[in-house]
Amino acid sequence: MRQFPVTAAMLVALGGVFPFLVGGWLFLAGVLTSLPHLSQILLAYGGCLLPFYGAVQWGLLASKPTIIPPKGESLRDRRALLSGTFAFLWGWLALCAGLLGNLRTGFGLEAIGFAGIFALERIANRHGDLPQGYIMVRAISTGLCVIGFLFALLSPQGQF
């Protein structure tokens, strides 16, 4: 497997996670005013980013020299496919629950989804399925995402 570009990936990950600072803004500004549209935007962004995190697994799988192995899919390949599928379905569920039900429920489900994908990736990393340095980048970006969702979830503005 090729060397993982840690520095470039860190810049991209931090750029993608930057909007989760909105969660902190919701927490701080929520004392003064209600920000319902900003809450929905954060929920929708998380619902889009979570499937992207899962799709990274599919990209790593597709970057192999043989896309269709002669003996079929290995256990490693199936884990990557299932991890990506879990992220897509969980992101959709969280977005639906947040928009059709309660935004706080959606924020909570998205935080669980990001933590869950990271847990699956740690298992894959222990089995040697991920490039060296990848898990560190993912740990930082996942931590920032979850913190942003927790701030939005705990925002004192009451009803979103």
Protein backbone atom coordinates (compact mmCIF):
# COMPACT_ATOMS: atom_id res chain seq x y z
CA MET A 1 0.00 0.00 0.00
CA ARG A 2 1.27 3.46 -0.83
CA GLN A 3 2.35 5.93 1.85
CA PHE A 4 -0.60 7.96 3.13
CA PRO A 5 -0.14 11.74 2.62
CA VAL A 6 -0.66 12.73 6.26
CA THR A 7 0.04 16.47 5.92
CA ALA A 8 -2.18 16.95 2.88
CA ALA A 9 -4.93 14.82 4.41
CA MET A 10 -4.76 16.80 7.64
CA LEU A 11 -5.26 20.08 5.77
CA VAL A 12 -8.21 18.67 3.83
CA ALA A 13 -9.74 17.14 6.97
CA LEU A 14 -9.41 20.35 8.97
CA GLY A 15 -10.95 22.32 6.11
CA GLY A 16 -13.88 19.91 6.03
CA VAL A 17 -14.29 20.02 9.80
CA PHE A 18 -14.11 23.82 10.01
CA PRO A 19 -17.91 24.24 9.62
CA PHE A 20 -18.38 22.26 12.83
CA LEU A 21 -17.22 25.34 14.67
CA VAL A 22 -20.81 26.35 13.97
CA GLY A 23 -21.71 23.98 16.81
CA GLY A 24 -19.70 26.15 19.17
CA TRP A 25 -21.36 29.24 17.74
CA LEU A 26 -24.80 27.71 18.34
CA PHE A 27 -23.78 26.98 21.91
CA LEU A 28 -22.43 30.48 22.62
CA ALA A 29 -24.87 32.60 20.62
CA GLY A 30 -27.84 30.45 21.59
CA VAL A 31 -27.98 32.27 24.91
CA LEU A 32 -28.96 35.48 23.14
CA THR A 33 -31.03 34.39 20.16
CA SER A 34 -32.53 31.37 18.44
CA LEU A 35 -30.66 30.20 15.35
CA PRO A 36 -32.98 27.64 13.71
CA HIS A 37 -31.59 27.93 10.16
CA LEU A 38 -28.00 27.62 11.32
CA SER A 39 -28.97 24.48 13.23
CA GLN A 40 -30.51 22.93 10.12
CA ILE A 41 -27.47 23.84 8.04
CA LEU A 42 -25.14 22.15 10.55
CA LEU A 43 -27.35 19.06 10.63
CA ALA A 44 -27.43 18.86 6.82
CA TYR A 45 -23.66 19.32 6.56
CA GLY A 46 -23.09 16.51 9.06
CA GLY A 47 -25.54 14.32 7.17
CA CYS A 48 -23.48 14.87 4.02
CA LEU A 49 -20.04 14.55 5.62
CA LEU A 50 -20.74 11.28 7.42
CA PRO A 51 -21.32 9.35 4.16
CA PHE A 52 -18.16 10.94 2.77
CA TYR A 53 -16.21 9.47 5.70
CA GLY A 54 -17.61 6.06 4.79
CA ALA A 55 -16.88 6.57 1.10
CA VAL A 56 -13.20 7.03 1.93
CA GLN A 57 -13.18 3.30 2.73
CA TRP A 58 -14.53 2.58 -0.73
CA GLY A 59 -11.87 4.83 -2.24
CA LEU A 60 -9.11 2.98 -0.41
CA LEU A 61 -10.59 -0.27 -1.66
CA ALA A 62 -10.79 0.99 -5.25
CA SER A 63 -7.19 2.22 -5.19
CA LYS A 64 -5.93 -1.35 -5.13
CA PRO A 65 -4.23 -2.54 -8.32
CA THR A 66 -6.87 -5.23 -8.93
CA ILE A 67 -10.35 -3.85 -8.45
CA ILE A 68 -11.98 -7.23 -9.13
CA PRO A 69 -9.87 -9.88 -7.42
CA PRO A 70 -9.83 -13.29 -9.13
CA LYS A 71 -10.97 -15.13 -5.97
CA GLY A 72 -13.73 -12.70 -5.05
CA GLU A 73 -13.86 -10.26 -2.17
CA SER A 74 -11.75 -10.85 0.88
CA LEU A 75 -12.91 -10.28 4.46
CA ARG A 76 -10.98 -7.00 4.41
CA ASP A 77 -12.87 -5.84 1.31
CA ARG A 78 -16.23 -6.78 2.78
CA ARG A 79 -15.45 -4.85 5.97
CA ALA A 80 -14.60 -1.76 3.90
CA LEU A 81 -17.80 -2.07 1.87
CA LEU A 82 -19.95 -2.55 4.97
CA SER A 83 -18.28 0.35 6.77
CA GLY A 84 -19.03 2.68 3.87
CA THR A 85 -22.61 1.45 3.62
CA PHE A 86 -23.14 1.91 7.36
CA ALA A 87 -22.00 5.53 7.09
CA PHE A 88 -24.39 6.30 4.21
CA LEU A 89 -27.39 4.74 5.91
CA TRP A 90 -26.63 6.23 9.34
CA GLY A 91 -26.13 9.70 7.84
CA TRP A 92 -29.47 9.44 6.07
CA LEU A 93 -31.20 8.22 9.24
CA ALA A 94 -29.70 11.02 11.35
CA LEU A 95 -30.67 13.68 8.81
CA CYS A 96 -34.24 12.35 8.54
CA ALA A 97 -34.62 12.10 12.31
CA GLY A 98 -33.31 15.63 12.77
CA LEU A 99 -35.37 17.29 10.05
CA LEU A 100 -38.59 15.32 10.47
CA GLY A 101 -38.42 14.97 14.23
CA ASN A 102 -36.15 16.89 16.56
CA LEU A 103 -32.87 18.57 15.62
CA ARG A 104 -31.29 17.45 18.88
CA THR A 105 -32.02 13.84 18.01
CA GLY A 106 -30.37 14.37 14.63
CA PHE A 107 -27.28 15.96 16.22
CA GLY A 108 -27.02 13.09 18.69
CA LEU A 109 -27.34 10.46 15.96
CA GLU A 110 -24.72 12.19 13.83
CA ALA A 111 -22.30 12.35 16.77
CA ILE A 112 -22.86 8.62 17.35
CA GLY A 113 -22.38 7.96 13.64
CA PHE A 114 -19.02 9.74 13.47
CA ALA A 115 -17.85 7.94 16.61
CA GLY A 116 -19.12 4.62 15.22
CA ILE A 117 -17.29 5.02 11.91
CA PHE A 118 -14.13 5.86 13.81
CA ALA A 119 -14.57 2.74 15.96
CA LEU A 120 -14.92 0.60 12.82
CA GLU A 121 -11.83 2.24 11.33
CA ARG A 122 -9.82 1.51 14.48
CA ILE A 123 -10.71 -2.15 14.11
CA ALA A 124 -9.64 -2.03 10.45
CA ASN A 125 -6.43 -0.27 11.45
CA ARG A 126 -5.61 -3.01 13.98
CA HIS A 127 -5.97 -5.55 11.18
CA GLY A 128 -3.61 -3.54 8.96
CA ASP A 129 -6.32 -2.53 6.49
CA LEU A 130 -5.56 1.21 6.56
CA PRO A 131 -2.51 3.17 5.44
CA GLN A 132 -0.06 4.31 8.08
CA GLY A 133 -0.97 7.76 9.44
CA TYR A 134 -4.61 7.58 8.34
CA ILE A 135 -6.05 6.80 11.76
CA MET A 136 -4.36 9.83 13.31
CA VAL A 137 -5.95 12.16 10.74
CA ARG A 138 -9.31 10.51 11.25
CA ALA A 139 -9.04 10.70 15.05
CA ILE A 140 -8.50 14.46 14.97
CA SER A 141 -11.22 15.18 12.43
CA THR A 142 -13.71 12.86 14.14
CA GLY A 143 -12.99 14.42 17.52
CA LEU A 144 -13.63 17.91 16.16
CA CYS A 145 -16.87 16.80 14.47
CA VAL A 146 -18.21 15.13 17.59
CA ILE A 147 -17.30 18.14 19.74
CA GLY A 148 -19.14 20.43 17.31
CA PHE A 149 -22.23 18.22 17.46
CA LEU A 150 -22.10 18.02 21.23
CA PHE A 151 -21.94 21.81 21.47
CA ALA A 152 -24.94 22.08 19.15
CA LEU A 153 -26.74 19.37 21.10
CA LEU A 154 -26.14 21.13 24.42
CA SER A 155 -26.89 24.61 23.11
CA PRO A 156 -28.82 26.62 25.72
CA GLN A 157 -31.20 28.03 23.16
CA GLY A 158 -33.77 25.39 24.14
CA GLN A 159 -36.01 24.66 21.18
CA PHE A 160 -34.23 24.91 17.84
